[in-house]
Amino acid sequence: MFKFLAVFIGGGVGSIARYALSILFQNVNSKFPFATVLSNFLSCLIMGLFILFISEKIISSSIWRLLLIVGFCGGFSTFSTFSLESLNLFEDHHYGYFVLNILLSLVFGIGVLFILTKKI
């Protein structure tokens, strides 16, 4: 039961952080989804930092791993919004932003996790 509670709490805090980030970008007059790209990048960065710096001390406990990685990072990142915004950019014929959104999201997200988890 504590495992479900850890995911619930972490996911709630992550979702609130994601919503707060979207509010910061609500007045940006652009077709590009800055808030989504940033939240996904930051989620990957936070996950990578958790894995790199505290995985052996704190995150080795399954409750903390569930709270921080599964819950918070899962609630803060937003693949479904990324997918919908990408589709909308494509359908609205903003092909440059469509490609840029996909490339930045994948390169930054996978790149930061690769760098941090390889302990270079």
N, C-alpha and C. Protein backbone atom coordinates (compact mmCIF):
# COMPACT_ATOMS: atom_id res chain seq x y z
N MET A 1 0.81 -1.20 0.00
CA MET A 1 0.00 0.00 0.00
C MET A 1 0.86 1.27 0.00
N PHE A 2 1.98 1.22 0.74
CA PHE A 2 2.87 2.39 0.78
C PHE A 2 3.46 2.69 -0.60
N LYS A 3 3.67 1.67 -1.41
CA LYS A 3 4.21 1.88 -2.76
C LYS A 3 3.24 2.68 -3.62
N PHE A 4 1.96 2.34 -3.56
CA PHE A 4 0.96 3.08 -4.32
C PHE A 4 0.86 4.53 -3.82
N LEU A 5 0.95 4.71 -2.52
CA LEU A 5 0.90 6.04 -1.94
C LEU A 5 2.10 6.88 -2.39
N ALA A 6 3.27 6.27 -2.45
CA ALA A 6 4.47 6.97 -2.90
C ALA A 6 4.32 7.45 -4.34
N VAL A 7 3.81 6.59 -5.22
CA VAL A 7 3.59 6.98 -6.62
C VAL A 7 2.53 8.07 -6.70
N PHE A 8 1.47 7.94 -5.91
CA PHE A 8 0.39 8.92 -5.89
C PHE A 8 0.90 10.30 -5.47
N ILE A 9 1.65 10.36 -4.39
CA ILE A 9 2.17 11.65 -3.90
C ILE A 9 3.17 12.24 -4.89
N GLY A 10 4.12 11.43 -5.34
CA GLY A 10 5.11 11.92 -6.30
C GLY A 10 4.46 12.38 -7.59
N GLY A 11 3.50 11.62 -8.09
CA GLY A 11 2.80 11.99 -9.32
C GLY A 11 2.00 13.27 -9.16
N GLY A 12 1.39 13.45 -8.01
CA GLY A 12 0.64 14.68 -7.75
C GLY A 12 1.53 15.90 -7.74
N VAL A 13 2.65 15.79 -7.05
CA VAL A 13 3.60 16.92 -7.00
C VAL A 13 4.17 17.19 -8.39
N GLY A 14 4.50 16.14 -9.12
CA GLY A 14 5.01 16.31 -10.49
C GLY A 14 3.99 16.95 -11.41
N SER A 15 2.74 16.54 -11.28
CA SER A 15 1.67 17.12 -12.11
C SER A 15 1.45 18.60 -11.79
N ILE A 16 1.51 18.95 -10.52
CA ILE A 16 1.38 20.35 -10.13
C ILE A 16 2.55 21.17 -10.68
N ALA A 17 3.75 20.62 -10.61
CA ALA A 17 4.92 21.31 -11.16
C ALA A 17 4.78 21.50 -12.67
N ARG A 18 4.26 20.49 -13.35
CA ARG A 18 4.04 20.58 -14.80
C ARG A 18 3.03 21.66 -15.12
N TYR A 19 1.95 21.71 -14.37
CA TYR A 19 0.92 22.73 -14.58
C TYR A 19 1.48 24.13 -14.32
N ALA A 20 2.27 24.28 -13.27
CA ALA A 20 2.88 25.58 -12.97
C ALA A 20 3.80 26.03 -14.10
N LEU A 21 4.54 25.10 -14.67
CA LEU A 21 5.42 25.43 -15.80
C LEU A 21 4.61 25.88 -17.01
N SER A 22 3.48 25.21 -17.25
CA SER A 22 2.64 25.60 -18.39
C SER A 22 2.07 27.01 -18.19
N ILE A 23 1.77 27.38 -16.94
CA ILE A 23 1.27 28.72 -16.66
C ILE A 23 2.35 29.77 -16.98
N LEU A 24 3.60 29.45 -16.69
CA LEU A 24 4.69 30.39 -16.99
C LEU A 24 4.79 30.70 -18.48
N PHE A 25 4.40 29.75 -19.32
CA PHE A 25 4.53 29.92 -20.76
C PHE A 25 3.21 30.23 -21.47
N GLN A 26 2.14 30.45 -20.70
CA GLN A 26 0.84 30.65 -21.33
C GLN A 26 0.75 31.92 -22.17
N ASN A 27 1.56 32.91 -21.87
CA ASN A 27 1.51 34.16 -22.64
C ASN A 27 2.56 34.24 -23.74
N VAL A 28 3.32 33.16 -23.93
CA VAL A 28 4.30 33.15 -25.02
C VAL A 28 3.54 33.01 -26.33
N ASN A 29 3.71 33.97 -27.19
CA ASN A 29 3.00 33.99 -28.46
C ASN A 29 3.79 33.22 -29.51
N SER A 30 3.65 31.90 -29.47
CA SER A 30 4.39 31.05 -30.40
C SER A 30 3.62 29.76 -30.63
N LYS A 31 3.79 29.19 -31.78
CA LYS A 31 3.17 27.90 -32.08
C LYS A 31 3.98 26.76 -31.45
N PHE A 32 5.23 27.05 -31.08
CA PHE A 32 6.11 26.00 -30.55
C PHE A 32 5.77 25.70 -29.09
N PRO A 33 5.67 24.43 -28.72
CA PRO A 33 5.28 24.04 -27.35
C PRO A 33 6.45 24.07 -26.36
N PHE A 34 6.89 25.27 -26.02
CA PHE A 34 8.05 25.43 -25.13
C PHE A 34 7.87 24.74 -23.78
N ALA A 35 6.71 24.88 -23.17
CA ALA A 35 6.49 24.32 -21.83
C ALA A 35 6.59 22.80 -21.83
N THR A 36 6.08 22.16 -22.85
CA THR A 36 6.14 20.70 -22.92
C THR A 36 7.56 20.22 -23.13
N VAL A 37 8.27 20.86 -24.06
CA VAL A 37 9.67 20.47 -24.30
C VAL A 37 10.49 20.66 -23.03
N LEU A 38 10.29 21.79 -22.36
CA LEU A 38 11.04 22.06 -21.14
C LEU A 38 10.68 21.09 -20.02
N SER A 39 9.41 20.79 -19.84
CA SER A 39 9.04 19.87 -18.76
C SER A 39 9.59 18.48 -19.02
N ASN A 40 9.56 18.03 -20.26
CA ASN A 40 10.11 16.71 -20.57
C ASN A 40 11.63 16.68 -20.39
N PHE A 41 12.31 17.75 -20.81
CA PHE A 41 13.75 17.83 -20.62
C PHE A 41 14.10 17.86 -19.13
N LEU A 42 13.41 18.72 -18.37
CA LEU A 42 13.69 18.81 -16.94
C LEU A 42 13.39 17.50 -16.22
N SER A 43 12.35 16.81 -16.64
CA SER A 43 12.04 15.52 -16.04
C SER A 43 13.17 14.52 -16.28
N CYS A 44 13.68 14.49 -17.50
CA CYS A 44 14.81 13.60 -17.80
C CYS A 44 16.05 14.02 -17.02
N LEU A 45 16.28 15.33 -16.91
CA LEU A 45 17.43 15.83 -16.15
C LEU A 45 17.31 15.44 -14.68
N ILE A 46 16.15 15.66 -14.11
CA ILE A 46 15.93 15.30 -12.71
C ILE A 46 16.11 13.80 -12.50
N MET A 47 15.54 13.00 -13.39
CA MET A 47 15.69 11.56 -13.28
C MET A 47 17.16 11.16 -13.37
N GLY A 48 17.87 11.74 -14.32
CA GLY A 48 19.29 11.44 -14.46
C GLY A 48 20.10 11.83 -13.24
N LEU A 49 19.78 12.99 -12.66
CA LEU A 49 20.48 13.43 -11.45
C LEU A 49 20.18 12.52 -10.27
N PHE A 50 18.92 12.11 -10.14
CA PHE A 50 18.57 11.15 -9.09
C PHE A 50 19.39 9.88 -9.24
N ILE A 51 19.44 9.38 -10.45
CA ILE A 51 20.17 8.13 -10.71
C ILE A 51 21.66 8.32 -10.46
N LEU A 52 22.21 9.44 -10.92
CA LEU A 52 23.65 9.68 -10.82
C LEU A 52 24.10 9.93 -9.38
N PHE A 53 23.43 10.79 -8.66
CA PHE A 53 23.94 11.24 -7.37
C PHE A 53 23.40 10.53 -6.15
N ILE A 54 22.17 10.09 -6.22
CA ILE A 54 21.62 9.54 -4.98
C ILE A 54 21.02 8.16 -5.14
N SER A 55 21.24 7.52 -6.26
CA SER A 55 20.61 6.22 -6.45
C SER A 55 21.13 5.18 -5.47
N GLU A 56 22.39 5.24 -5.15
CA GLU A 56 22.95 4.22 -4.26
C GLU A 56 22.58 4.45 -2.81
N LYS A 57 22.28 5.70 -2.44
CA LYS A 57 21.97 6.00 -1.04
C LYS A 57 20.48 6.04 -0.76
N ILE A 58 19.74 6.80 -1.58
CA ILE A 58 18.32 7.00 -1.30
C ILE A 58 17.44 6.17 -2.23
N ILE A 59 17.74 6.23 -3.51
CA ILE A 59 16.83 5.62 -4.48
C ILE A 59 16.92 4.10 -4.47
N SER A 60 17.91 3.54 -3.81
CA SER A 60 17.95 2.08 -3.72
C SER A 60 16.75 1.57 -2.94
N SER A 61 16.19 2.41 -2.09
CA SER A 61 14.95 2.07 -1.40
C SER A 61 13.81 2.17 -2.42
N SER A 62 13.04 1.12 -2.55
CA SER A 62 12.00 1.10 -3.58
C SER A 62 10.96 2.20 -3.37
N ILE A 63 10.69 2.57 -2.13
CA ILE A 63 9.71 3.63 -1.88
C ILE A 63 10.19 4.96 -2.45
N TRP A 64 11.45 5.32 -2.22
CA TRP A 64 11.99 6.57 -2.75
C TRP A 64 12.08 6.55 -4.26
N ARG A 65 12.43 5.43 -4.81
CA ARG A 65 12.49 5.29 -6.27
C ARG A 65 11.10 5.49 -6.86
N LEU A 66 10.09 4.90 -6.24
CA LEU A 66 8.72 5.06 -6.72
C LEU A 66 8.25 6.50 -6.56
N LEU A 67 8.57 7.13 -5.45
CA LEU A 67 8.16 8.51 -5.20
C LEU A 67 8.81 9.47 -6.19
N LEU A 68 10.12 9.37 -6.35
CA LEU A 68 10.87 10.35 -7.14
C LEU A 68 10.86 10.07 -8.64
N ILE A 69 11.15 8.85 -9.02
CA ILE A 69 11.29 8.56 -10.45
C ILE A 69 9.95 8.22 -11.08
N VAL A 70 9.27 7.22 -10.55
CA VAL A 70 7.99 6.82 -11.15
C VAL A 70 6.94 7.91 -10.92
N GLY A 71 6.81 8.38 -9.68
CA GLY A 71 5.78 9.36 -9.36
C GLY A 71 6.07 10.74 -9.88
N PHE A 72 7.10 11.40 -9.32
CA PHE A 72 7.36 12.80 -9.68
C PHE A 72 7.72 12.95 -11.15
N CYS A 73 8.71 12.21 -11.62
CA CYS A 73 9.13 12.36 -13.01
C CYS A 73 8.03 11.92 -13.97
N GLY A 74 7.27 10.90 -13.59
CA GLY A 74 6.15 10.47 -14.42
C GLY A 74 5.06 11.52 -14.50
N GLY A 75 4.78 12.20 -13.39
CA GLY A 75 3.78 13.24 -13.37
C GLY A 75 4.25 14.53 -14.02
N PHE A 76 5.54 14.80 -13.96
CA PHE A 76 6.10 16.04 -14.50
C PHE A 76 6.30 15.97 -16.00
N SER A 77 6.71 14.82 -16.49
CA SER A 77 6.88 14.68 -17.94
C SER A 77 5.51 14.44 -18.57
N THR A 78 5.44 14.61 -19.86
CA THR A 78 4.14 14.55 -20.49
C THR A 78 4.22 14.07 -21.93
N PHE A 79 4.35 12.77 -22.10
CA PHE A 79 4.46 12.22 -23.44
C PHE A 79 3.17 12.39 -24.23
N SER A 80 2.05 12.27 -23.58
CA SER A 80 0.78 12.41 -24.30
C SER A 80 0.60 13.83 -24.84
N THR A 81 0.96 14.82 -24.04
CA THR A 81 0.87 16.21 -24.51
C THR A 81 1.87 16.45 -25.63
N PHE A 82 3.08 15.91 -25.49
CA PHE A 82 4.08 16.01 -26.55
C PHE A 82 3.53 15.42 -27.85
N SER A 83 2.90 14.28 -27.77
CA SER A 83 2.36 13.63 -28.96
C SER A 83 1.24 14.45 -29.59
N LEU A 84 0.32 14.95 -28.77
CA LEU A 84 -0.79 15.75 -29.29
C LEU A 84 -0.28 17.06 -29.90
N GLU A 85 0.63 17.73 -29.23
CA GLU A 85 1.15 18.99 -29.77
C GLU A 85 1.92 18.75 -31.06
N SER A 86 2.65 17.64 -31.14
CA SER A 86 3.35 17.31 -32.38
C SER A 86 2.36 17.09 -33.51
N LEU A 87 1.31 16.34 -33.24
CA LEU A 87 0.28 16.09 -34.25
C LEU A 87 -0.39 17.39 -34.69
N ASN A 88 -0.69 18.27 -33.73
CA ASN A 88 -1.30 19.56 -34.07
C ASN A 88 -0.39 20.41 -34.94
N LEU A 89 0.91 20.41 -34.63
CA LEU A 89 1.85 21.17 -35.46
C LEU A 89 1.87 20.62 -36.89
N PHE A 90 1.84 19.32 -37.01
CA PHE A 90 1.84 18.69 -38.33
C PHE A 90 0.56 19.03 -39.09
N GLU A 91 -0.58 18.87 -38.43
CA GLU A 91 -1.87 19.14 -39.08
C GLU A 91 -2.04 20.61 -39.45
N ASP A 92 -1.41 21.51 -38.68
CA ASP A 92 -1.47 22.95 -38.98
C ASP A 92 -0.39 23.39 -39.96
N HIS A 93 0.30 22.42 -40.54
CA HIS A 93 1.34 22.65 -41.55
C HIS A 93 2.54 23.43 -41.02
N HIS A 94 2.81 23.31 -39.73
CA HIS A 94 4.02 23.90 -39.14
C HIS A 94 5.08 22.80 -39.09
N TYR A 95 5.53 22.39 -40.26
CA TYR A 95 6.41 21.23 -40.36
C TYR A 95 7.77 21.46 -39.71
N GLY A 96 8.27 22.67 -39.79
CA GLY A 96 9.55 22.97 -39.15
C GLY A 96 9.47 22.81 -37.64
N TYR A 97 8.41 23.38 -37.04
CA TYR A 97 8.21 23.23 -35.60
C TYR A 97 7.93 21.78 -35.22
N PHE A 98 7.22 21.07 -36.08
CA PHE A 98 6.93 19.66 -35.85
C PHE A 98 8.22 18.86 -35.72
N VAL A 99 9.12 19.03 -36.67
CA VAL A 99 10.39 18.31 -36.65
C VAL A 99 11.25 18.79 -35.49
N LEU A 100 11.30 20.10 -35.27
CA LEU A 100 12.10 20.65 -34.18
C LEU A 100 11.62 20.13 -32.82
N ASN A 101 10.33 20.07 -32.63
CA ASN A 101 9.76 19.57 -31.38
C ASN A 101 10.18 18.13 -31.12
N ILE A 102 10.08 17.31 -32.13
CA ILE A 102 10.45 15.90 -31.97
C ILE A 102 11.94 15.75 -31.74
N LEU A 103 12.75 16.43 -32.54
CA LEU A 103 14.20 16.30 -32.40
C LEU A 103 14.70 16.83 -31.06
N LEU A 104 14.25 18.01 -30.67
CA LEU A 104 14.69 18.56 -29.38
C LEU A 104 14.28 17.67 -28.22
N SER A 105 13.05 17.21 -28.25
CA SER A 105 12.56 16.36 -27.16
C SER A 105 13.36 15.07 -27.06
N LEU A 106 13.61 14.44 -28.18
CA LEU A 106 14.35 13.18 -28.15
C LEU A 106 15.83 13.39 -27.85
N VAL A 107 16.45 14.35 -28.51
CA VAL A 107 17.88 14.58 -28.31
C VAL A 107 18.17 15.03 -26.89
N PHE A 108 17.41 16.01 -26.39
CA PHE A 108 17.65 16.50 -25.03
C PHE A 108 17.30 15.44 -23.99
N GLY A 109 16.16 14.82 -24.14
CA GLY A 109 15.72 13.83 -23.16
C GLY A 109 16.63 12.63 -23.09
N ILE A 110 16.86 12.00 -24.20
CA ILE A 110 17.73 10.81 -24.22
C ILE A 110 19.17 11.22 -23.96
N GLY A 111 19.58 12.36 -24.52
CA GLY A 111 20.96 12.81 -24.35
C GLY A 111 21.33 13.07 -22.91
N VAL A 112 20.48 13.78 -22.18
CA VAL A 112 20.80 14.08 -20.79
C VAL A 112 20.82 12.80 -19.94
N LEU A 113 19.91 11.89 -20.20
CA LEU A 113 19.93 10.63 -19.45
C LEU A 113 21.15 9.79 -19.79
N PHE A 114 21.53 9.79 -21.06
CA PHE A 114 22.73 9.04 -21.47
C PHE A 114 23.96 9.60 -20.77
N ILE A 115 24.12 10.91 -20.80
CA ILE A 115 25.29 11.53 -20.20
C ILE A 115 25.33 11.30 -18.69
N LEU A 116 24.22 11.50 -18.02
CA LEU A 116 24.20 11.39 -16.56
C LEU A 116 24.30 9.95 -16.06
N THR A 117 23.71 9.03 -16.76
CA THR A 117 23.74 7.64 -16.28
C THR A 117 25.01 6.91 -16.68
N LYS A 118 25.77 7.45 -17.61
CA LYS A 118 27.05 6.85 -17.99
C LYS A 118 28.17 7.29 -17.04
N LYS A 119 27.85 8.28 -16.19
CA LYS A 119 28.81 8.79 -15.19
C LYS A 119 30.13 9.18 -15.83
N ILE A 120 30.02 9.97 -16.88
CA ILE A 120 31.21 10.42 -17.61
C ILE A 120 32.01 11.38 -16.77
